[in-house]
């Protein structure tokens, strides 16, 4: 089970699984024009969970910036006996992300989204409560505890860790600065371009007291213009 607005990195593997006979389902989100546009409908998730083994929901959307309630989603999944994978690629570096607080079983993210080196990513795998066991992505050696064979990209790994360290040191000042710049850009667009439309949740929208949209995200549409 996943969401219609996921990144192709999740949607394409799901399409491949469907070709192999695995039952898959994509859940809807709130539509354009809703102040919480892009937010996953939890009632739809509840309906899909009785038959689900694995759920994949991104923490923050790469196009419209909506931040999903992953903690609530994880609780629903675990109550139904399903594992939860979270694509946190867009969120790590912008938000404080804790796998323990979110309750996820698997979390993927990458270096190049936070000014780190290209070609290196990370996958968190829960090792207890529950134990998550994975088949190797690439076979042929024992690297990465048997999950992905191949000589490790040591400079990339070190650069990735340093990029995360710098991002952590820059919070909250840098995300707040980007949010101010984002709001200034949107204010200028609204006053200078007729008909410009915001895509995604309102810039000031909140969910459970927290921002519903990434502060560095602005997505808009220009009616009448062929993209």
C-alpha atoms as a PDB file:
ATOM      1  CA  UNK A   1       0.000   0.000   0.000  1.00  0.00           C
ATOM      2  CA  UNK A   2       1.331   3.426  -0.908  1.00  0.00           C
ATOM      3  CA  UNK A   3       0.167   6.904  -1.901  1.00  0.00           C
ATOM      4  CA  UNK A   4      -0.677   8.277  -5.350  1.00  0.00           C
ATOM      5  CA  UNK A   5       1.704  11.213  -4.869  1.00  0.00           C
ATOM      6  CA  UNK A   6       4.813   9.193  -3.985  1.00  0.00           C
ATOM      7  CA  UNK A   7       8.090   9.633  -5.858  1.00  0.00           C
ATOM      8  CA  UNK A   8       8.720   7.401  -8.881  1.00  0.00           C
ATOM      9  CA  UNK A   9      11.427   5.673  -6.819  1.00  0.00           C
ATOM     10  CA  UNK A  10       8.532   4.061  -4.950  1.00  0.00           C
ATOM     11  CA  UNK A  11       5.846   3.990  -7.643  1.00  0.00           C
ATOM     12  CA  UNK A  12       7.950   2.209 -10.268  1.00  0.00           C
ATOM     13  CA  UNK A  13       8.928  -0.702  -7.976  1.00  0.00           C
ATOM     14  CA  UNK A  14       5.243  -1.035  -7.063  1.00  0.00           C
ATOM     15  CA  UNK A  15       4.301  -1.246 -10.735  1.00  0.00           C
ATOM     16  CA  UNK A  16       6.970  -3.897 -11.168  1.00  0.00           C
ATOM     17  CA  UNK A  17       5.613  -5.862  -8.213  1.00  0.00           C
ATOM     18  CA  UNK A  18       2.106  -5.638  -9.668  1.00  0.00           C
ATOM     19  CA  UNK A  19       3.388  -7.238 -12.877  1.00  0.00           C
ATOM     20  CA  UNK A  20       4.668 -10.105 -10.737  1.00  0.00           C
ATOM     21  CA  UNK A  21       1.214 -10.624  -9.250  1.00  0.00           C
ATOM     22  CA  UNK A  22       1.640  -8.740  -5.973  1.00  0.00           C
ATOM     23  CA  UNK A  23      -1.514  -6.868  -4.961  1.00  0.00           C
ATOM     24  CA  UNK A  24      -0.823  -3.134  -4.699  1.00  0.00           C
ATOM     25  CA  UNK A  25      -2.998  -0.133  -3.844  1.00  0.00           C
ATOM     26  CA  UNK A  26      -2.375   3.619  -4.126  1.00  0.00           C
ATOM     27  CA  UNK A  27      -4.266   5.807  -1.676  1.00  0.00           C
ATOM     28  CA  UNK A  28      -5.722   9.257  -2.462  1.00  0.00           C
ATOM     29  CA  UNK A  29      -4.741  12.573  -0.911  1.00  0.00           C
ATOM     30  CA  UNK A  30      -6.708  15.745  -0.318  1.00  0.00           C
ATOM     31  CA  UNK A  31      -7.259  17.551  -3.636  1.00  0.00           C
ATOM     32  CA  UNK A  32      -5.938  20.811  -5.065  1.00  0.00           C
ATOM     33  CA  UNK A  33      -7.678  23.779  -3.468  1.00  0.00           C
ATOM     34  CA  UNK A  34      -7.940  22.175  -0.036  1.00  0.00           C
ATOM     35  CA  UNK A  35      -5.843  24.048   2.583  1.00  0.00           C
ATOM     36  CA  UNK A  36      -4.320  20.641   3.392  1.00  0.00           C
ATOM     37  CA  UNK A  37      -3.902  19.572  -0.250  1.00  0.00           C
ATOM     38  CA  UNK A  38      -1.691  16.513  -0.578  1.00  0.00           C
ATOM     39  CA  UNK A  39      -2.354  15.178   2.924  1.00  0.00           C
ATOM     40  CA  UNK A  40      -3.040  11.439   3.054  1.00  0.00           C
ATOM     41  CA  UNK A  41      -6.586  10.477   3.988  1.00  0.00           C
ATOM     42  CA  UNK A  42      -6.121   8.293   7.071  1.00  0.00           C
ATOM     43  CA  UNK A  43      -9.576   6.752   6.682  1.00  0.00           C
ATOM     44  CA  UNK A  44      -8.503   5.393   3.304  1.00  0.00           C
ATOM     45  CA  UNK A  45      -5.387   3.946   4.919  1.00  0.00           C
ATOM     46  CA  UNK A  46      -7.461   2.251   7.631  1.00  0.00           C
ATOM     47  CA  UNK A  47      -9.616   0.603   4.971  1.00  0.00           C
ATOM     48  CA  UNK A  48      -6.559  -0.715   3.117  1.00  0.00           C
ATOM     49  CA  UNK A  49      -4.633  -2.002   6.136  1.00  0.00           C
ATOM     50  CA  UNK A  50      -6.405  -5.313   6.896  1.00  0.00           C
ATOM     51  CA  UNK A  51      -4.794  -6.911   3.816  1.00  0.00           C
ATOM     52  CA  UNK A  52      -1.501  -4.982   3.880  1.00  0.00           C
ATOM     53  CA  UNK A  53       1.962  -6.401   4.581  1.00  0.00           C
ATOM     54  CA  UNK A  54       3.955  -3.264   3.746  1.00  0.00           C
ATOM     55  CA  UNK A  55       3.015   0.421   3.585  1.00  0.00           C
ATOM     56  CA  UNK A  56       5.237   3.119   2.050  1.00  0.00           C
ATOM     57  CA  UNK A  57       4.561   6.810   2.729  1.00  0.00           C
ATOM     58  CA  UNK A  58       7.009   9.670   2.170  1.00  0.00           C
ATOM     59  CA  UNK A  59       7.600  12.020   5.087  1.00  0.00           C
ATOM     60  CA  UNK A  60       7.642  15.187   2.948  1.00  0.00           C
ATOM     61  CA  UNK A  61       6.613  15.441  -0.687  1.00  0.00           C
ATOM     62  CA  UNK A  62       9.301  16.490  -3.143  1.00  0.00           C
ATOM     63  CA  UNK A  63       6.946  18.546  -5.341  1.00  0.00           C
ATOM     64  CA  UNK A  64       4.381  20.178  -3.061  1.00  0.00           C
ATOM     65  CA  UNK A  65       6.182  19.921   0.282  1.00  0.00           C
ATOM     66  CA  UNK A  66       3.295  18.409   2.271  1.00  0.00           C
ATOM     67  CA  UNK A  67       4.445  16.711   5.487  1.00  0.00           C
ATOM     68  CA  UNK A  68       2.579  13.509   6.283  1.00  0.00           C
ATOM     69  CA  UNK A  69       1.622  12.457   9.870  1.00  0.00           C
ATOM     70  CA  UNK A  70       4.038   9.532   9.869  1.00  0.00           C
ATOM     71  CA  UNK A  71       3.751   8.862  13.611  1.00  0.00           C
ATOM     72  CA  UNK A  72      -0.012   8.341  13.275  1.00  0.00           C
ATOM     73  CA  UNK A  73       0.464   6.304  10.118  1.00  0.00           C
ATOM     74  CA  UNK A  74       3.025   4.068  11.861  1.00  0.00           C
ATOM     75  CA  UNK A  75       0.647   3.391  14.741  1.00  0.00           C
ATOM     76  CA  UNK A  76      -2.141   2.407  12.341  1.00  0.00           C
ATOM     77  CA  UNK A  77       0.214   0.136  10.387  1.00  0.00           C
ATOM     78  CA  UNK A  78       1.585  -1.620  13.451  1.00  0.00           C
ATOM     79  CA  UNK A  79      -1.862  -2.135  14.945  1.00  0.00           C
ATOM     80  CA  UNK A  80      -2.761  -3.929  11.704  1.00  0.00           C
ATOM     81  CA  UNK A  81       0.455  -5.961  11.605  1.00  0.00           C
ATOM     82  CA  UNK A  82       1.978  -4.121   8.619  1.00  0.00           C
ATOM     83  CA  UNK A  83       5.486  -2.710   8.280  1.00  0.00           C
ATOM     84  CA  UNK A  84       6.004   0.953   7.360  1.00  0.00           C
ATOM     85  CA  UNK A  85       8.676   2.254   4.981  1.00  0.00           C
ATOM     86  CA  UNK A  86       9.189   6.015   4.838  1.00  0.00           C
ATOM     87  CA  UNK A  87      10.927   7.909   2.036  1.00  0.00           C
ATOM     88  CA  UNK A  88      12.455  10.772   4.023  1.00  0.00           C
ATOM     89  CA  UNK A  89      14.686  12.034   1.213  1.00  0.00           C
ATOM     90  CA  UNK A  90      13.150  15.503   1.079  1.00  0.00           C
ATOM     91  CA  UNK A  91      12.777  15.900   4.841  1.00  0.00           C
ATOM     92  CA  UNK A  92      16.219  14.963   6.190  1.00  0.00           C
ATOM     93  CA  UNK A  93      18.244  18.147   6.391  1.00  0.00           C
ATOM     94  CA  UNK A  94      15.149  20.354   6.615  1.00  0.00           C
ATOM     95  CA  UNK A  95      13.374  18.778   9.582  1.00  0.00           C
ATOM     96  CA  UNK A  96      14.474  17.039  12.747  1.00  0.00           C
ATOM     97  CA  UNK A  97      13.929  13.388  11.865  1.00  0.00           C
ATOM     98  CA  UNK A  98      13.956  10.623  14.502  1.00  0.00           C
ATOM     99  CA  UNK A  99      13.146   7.055  13.466  1.00  0.00           C
ATOM    100  CA  UNK A 100      12.304   6.268  17.102  1.00  0.00           C
ATOM    101  CA  UNK A 101       9.820   9.127  17.432  1.00  0.00           C
ATOM    102  CA  UNK A 102       8.240   8.450  14.023  1.00  0.00           C
ATOM    103  CA  UNK A 103       7.998   4.716  14.680  1.00  0.00           C
ATOM    104  CA  UNK A 104       9.018   3.659  11.159  1.00  0.00           C
ATOM    105  CA  UNK A 105      10.432   0.225  10.332  1.00  0.00           C
ATOM    106  CA  UNK A 106      12.388   1.311   7.243  1.00  0.00           C
ATOM    107  CA  UNK A 107      13.533   4.778   6.200  1.00  0.00           C
ATOM    108  CA  UNK A 108      15.440   5.815   3.076  1.00  0.00           C
ATOM    109  CA  UNK A 109      17.163   9.134   2.341  1.00  0.00           C
ATOM    110  CA  UNK A 110      19.977  10.465   0.196  1.00  0.00           C
ATOM    111  CA  UNK A 111      22.954  12.818   0.388  1.00  0.00           C
ATOM    112  CA  UNK A 112      22.453  15.069  -2.626  1.00  0.00           C
ATOM    113  CA  UNK A 113      19.259  16.611  -1.233  1.00  0.00           C
ATOM    114  CA  UNK A 114      21.202  18.197   1.625  1.00  0.00           C
ATOM    115  CA  UNK A 115      24.299  19.394  -0.257  1.00  0.00           C
ATOM    116  CA  UNK A 116      26.131  16.090   0.220  1.00  0.00           C
ATOM    117  CA  UNK A 117      27.886  14.055  -2.490  1.00  0.00           C
ATOM    118  CA  UNK A 118      25.834  12.478  -5.260  1.00  0.00           C
ATOM    119  CA  UNK A 119      25.525   8.719  -5.540  1.00  0.00           C
ATOM    120  CA  UNK A 120      25.222   7.788  -1.860  1.00  0.00           C
ATOM    121  CA  UNK A 121      22.122   7.101   0.208  1.00  0.00           C
ATOM    122  CA  UNK A 122      21.080   5.386   3.411  1.00  0.00           C
ATOM    123  CA  UNK A 123      18.473   2.865   4.482  1.00  0.00           C
ATOM    124  CA  UNK A 124      17.510   2.534   8.128  1.00  0.00           C
ATOM    125  CA  UNK A 125      16.312  -0.990   8.974  1.00  0.00           C
ATOM    126  CA  UNK A 126      14.671  -1.724  12.325  1.00  0.00           C
ATOM    127  CA  UNK A 127      16.364  -4.645  14.046  1.00  0.00           C
ATOM    128  CA  UNK A 128      13.942  -5.246  16.911  1.00  0.00           C
ATOM    129  CA  UNK A 129      10.268  -4.772  17.787  1.00  0.00           C
ATOM    130  CA  UNK A 130       9.849  -5.982  15.080  1.00  0.00           C
ATOM    131  CA  UNK A 131      12.908  -7.521  13.448  1.00  0.00           C
ATOM    132  CA  UNK A 132      12.949  -6.549   9.755  1.00  0.00           C
ATOM    133  CA  UNK A 133      14.781  -8.989   7.483  1.00  0.00           C
ATOM    134  CA  UNK A 134      15.531  -8.085   3.862  1.00  0.00           C
ATOM    135  CA  UNK A 135      16.655 -10.058   0.850  1.00  0.00           C
ATOM    136  CA  UNK A 136      19.844  -8.632  -0.719  1.00  0.00           C
ATOM    137  CA  UNK A 137      19.354  -5.869  -3.250  1.00  0.00           C
ATOM    138  CA  UNK A 138      22.581  -6.923  -4.980  1.00  0.00           C
ATOM    139  CA  UNK A 139      24.196 -10.330  -4.339  1.00  0.00           C
ATOM    140  CA  UNK A 140      27.849 -11.272  -4.636  1.00  0.00           C
ATOM    141  CA  UNK A 141      29.456 -10.334  -1.342  1.00  0.00           C
ATOM    142  CA  UNK A 142      28.864  -9.608   2.302  1.00  0.00           C
ATOM    143  CA  UNK A 143      28.922  -5.827   2.294  1.00  0.00           C
ATOM    144  CA  UNK A 144      26.269  -3.849   4.180  1.00  0.00           C
ATOM    145  CA  UNK A 145      25.536  -6.923   6.340  1.00  0.00           C
ATOM    146  CA  UNK A 146      24.584  -8.898   3.269  1.00  0.00           C
ATOM    147  CA  UNK A 147      21.964  -6.405   2.062  1.00  0.00           C
ATOM    148  CA  UNK A 148      23.822  -4.819  -0.872  1.00  0.00           C
ATOM    149  CA  UNK A 149      27.075  -6.215  -2.206  1.00  0.00           C
ATOM    150  CA  UNK A 150      29.802  -3.965  -3.604  1.00  0.00           C
ATOM    151  CA  UNK A 151      32.822  -2.083  -2.328  1.00  0.00           C
ATOM    152  CA  UNK A 152      31.706   0.765  -0.098  1.00  0.00           C
ATOM    153  CA  UNK A 153      31.929   4.349  -1.335  1.00  0.00           C
ATOM    154  CA  UNK A 154      33.906   5.587   1.662  1.00  0.00           C
ATOM    155  CA  UNK A 155      34.343   9.239   0.533  1.00  0.00           C
ATOM    156  CA  UNK A 156      30.618   9.412  -0.224  1.00  0.00           C
ATOM    157  CA  UNK A 157      29.684   7.946   3.145  1.00  0.00           C
ATOM    158  CA  UNK A 158      31.961  10.358   5.034  1.00  0.00           C
ATOM    159  CA  UNK A 159      30.671  13.296   2.978  1.00  0.00           C
ATOM    160  CA  UNK A 160      27.072  12.221   3.640  1.00  0.00           C
ATOM    161  CA  UNK A 161      27.694  12.122   7.395  1.00  0.00           C
ATOM    162  CA  UNK A 162      29.368  15.544   7.313  1.00  0.00           C
ATOM    163  CA  UNK A 163      26.470  17.048   5.354  1.00  0.00           C
ATOM    164  CA  UNK A 164      23.984  15.767   7.945  1.00  0.00           C
ATOM    165  CA  UNK A 165      26.195  17.133  10.735  1.00  0.00           C
ATOM    166  CA  UNK A 166      26.227  20.588   9.091  1.00  0.00           C
ATOM    167  CA  UNK A 167      22.455  20.532   8.560  1.00  0.00           C
ATOM    168  CA  UNK A 168      21.854  19.627  12.199  1.00  0.00           C
ATOM    169  CA  UNK A 169      24.123  22.452  13.333  1.00  0.00           C
ATOM    170  CA  UNK A 170      22.269  24.949  11.098  1.00  0.00           C
ATOM    171  CA  UNK A 171      18.808  24.172  12.476  1.00  0.00           C
ATOM    172  CA  UNK A 172      16.565  25.983  13.160  1.00  0.00           C
ATOM    173  CA  UNK A 173      18.139  29.134  11.719  1.00  0.00           C
ATOM    174  CA  UNK A 174      18.598  27.899   8.138  1.00  0.00           C
ATOM    175  CA  UNK A 175      15.096  26.381   7.687  1.00  0.00           C
ATOM    176  CA  UNK A 176      13.617  29.581   9.136  1.00  0.00           C
ATOM    177  CA  UNK A 177      15.659  31.675   6.685  1.00  0.00           C
ATOM    178  CA  UNK A 178      14.488  29.564   3.747  1.00  0.00           C
ATOM    179  CA  UNK A 179      10.876  29.869   4.899  1.00  0.00           C
ATOM    180  CA  UNK A 180      11.156  33.673   4.942  1.00  0.00           C
ATOM    181  CA  UNK A 181      12.656  33.664   1.441  1.00  0.00           C
ATOM    182  CA  UNK A 182       9.949  31.285   0.201  1.00  0.00           C
ATOM    183  CA  UNK A 183       7.193  33.518   1.559  1.00  0.00           C
ATOM    184  CA  UNK A 184       8.827  36.601   0.025  1.00  0.00           C
ATOM    185  CA  UNK A 185       9.000  34.937  -3.390  1.00  0.00           C
ATOM    186  CA  UNK A 186       5.351  33.900  -3.200  1.00  0.00           C
ATOM    187  CA  UNK A 187       4.310  37.397  -2.152  1.00  0.00           C
ATOM    188  CA  UNK A 188       6.077  38.842  -5.190  1.00  0.00           C
ATOM    189  CA  UNK A 189       4.562  36.297  -7.564  1.00  0.00           C
ATOM    190  CA  UNK A 190       1.008  36.929  -6.317  1.00  0.00           C
ATOM    191  CA  UNK A 191       1.282  40.683  -6.773  1.00  0.00           C
ATOM    192  CA  UNK A 192       2.979  40.604 -10.191  1.00  0.00           C
ATOM    193  CA  UNK A 193       1.434  37.646 -12.024  1.00  0.00           C
ATOM    194  CA  UNK A 194      -2.313  37.457 -12.561  1.00  0.00           C
ATOM    195  CA  UNK A 195      -3.891  34.081 -11.938  1.00  0.00           C
ATOM    196  CA  UNK A 196      -0.883  32.377 -10.339  1.00  0.00           C
ATOM    197  CA  UNK A 197      -2.047  29.469  -8.183  1.00  0.00           C
ATOM    198  CA  UNK A 198      -0.387  27.840  -5.208  1.00  0.00           C
ATOM    199  CA  UNK A 199      -0.117  24.049  -5.539  1.00  0.00           C
ATOM    200  CA  UNK A 200      -0.144  22.005  -2.360  1.00  0.00           C
ATOM    201  CA  UNK A 201      -1.099  23.000   1.187  1.00  0.00           C
ATOM    202  CA  UNK A 202      -1.375  26.613   2.279  1.00  0.00           C
ATOM    203  CA  UNK A 203       1.983  28.075   3.301  1.00  0.00           C
ATOM    204  CA  UNK A 204       0.712  28.704   6.824  1.00  0.00           C
ATOM    205  CA  UNK A 205      -1.208  25.415   7.163  1.00  0.00           C
ATOM    206  CA  UNK A 206      -0.542  23.315  10.270  1.00  0.00           C
ATOM    207  CA  UNK A 207      -1.345  19.782  11.412  1.00  0.00           C
ATOM    208  CA  UNK A 208      -1.352  18.927  15.119  1.00  0.00           C
ATOM    209  CA  UNK A 209       0.396  22.235  15.795  1.00  0.00           C
ATOM    210  CA  UNK A 210       3.276  21.661  13.359  1.00  0.00           C
ATOM    211  CA  UNK A 211       3.774  23.142   9.856  1.00  0.00           C
ATOM    212  CA  UNK A 212       2.097  21.083   7.139  1.00  0.00           C
ATOM    213  CA  UNK A 213       4.525  22.179   4.435  1.00  0.00           C
ATOM    214  CA  UNK A 214       8.305  22.240   4.170  1.00  0.00           C
ATOM    215  CA  UNK A 215       9.645  25.751   4.600  1.00  0.00           C
ATOM    216  CA  UNK A 216      11.910  25.495   1.545  1.00  0.00           C
ATOM    217  CA  UNK A 217       9.114  24.377  -0.789  1.00  0.00           C
ATOM    218  CA  UNK A 218       7.100  26.501  -3.209  1.00  0.00           C
ATOM    219  CA  UNK A 219       5.072  24.964  -6.024  1.00  0.00           C
ATOM    220  CA  UNK A 220       2.790  27.049  -8.227  1.00  0.00           C
ATOM    221  CA  UNK A 221       0.875  26.905 -11.510  1.00  0.00           C
ATOM    222  CA  UNK A 222       0.502  29.523 -14.238  1.00  0.00           C
ATOM    223  CA  UNK A 223      -2.881  29.038 -15.953  1.00  0.00           C
ATOM    224  CA  UNK A 224      -2.715  29.296 -19.718  1.00  0.00           C
ATOM    225  CA  UNK A 225       0.987  28.524 -19.878  1.00  0.00           C
ATOM    226  CA  UNK A 226       2.077  25.213 -21.431  1.00  0.00           C
ATOM    227  CA  UNK A 227       4.715  23.795 -19.120  1.00  0.00           C
END
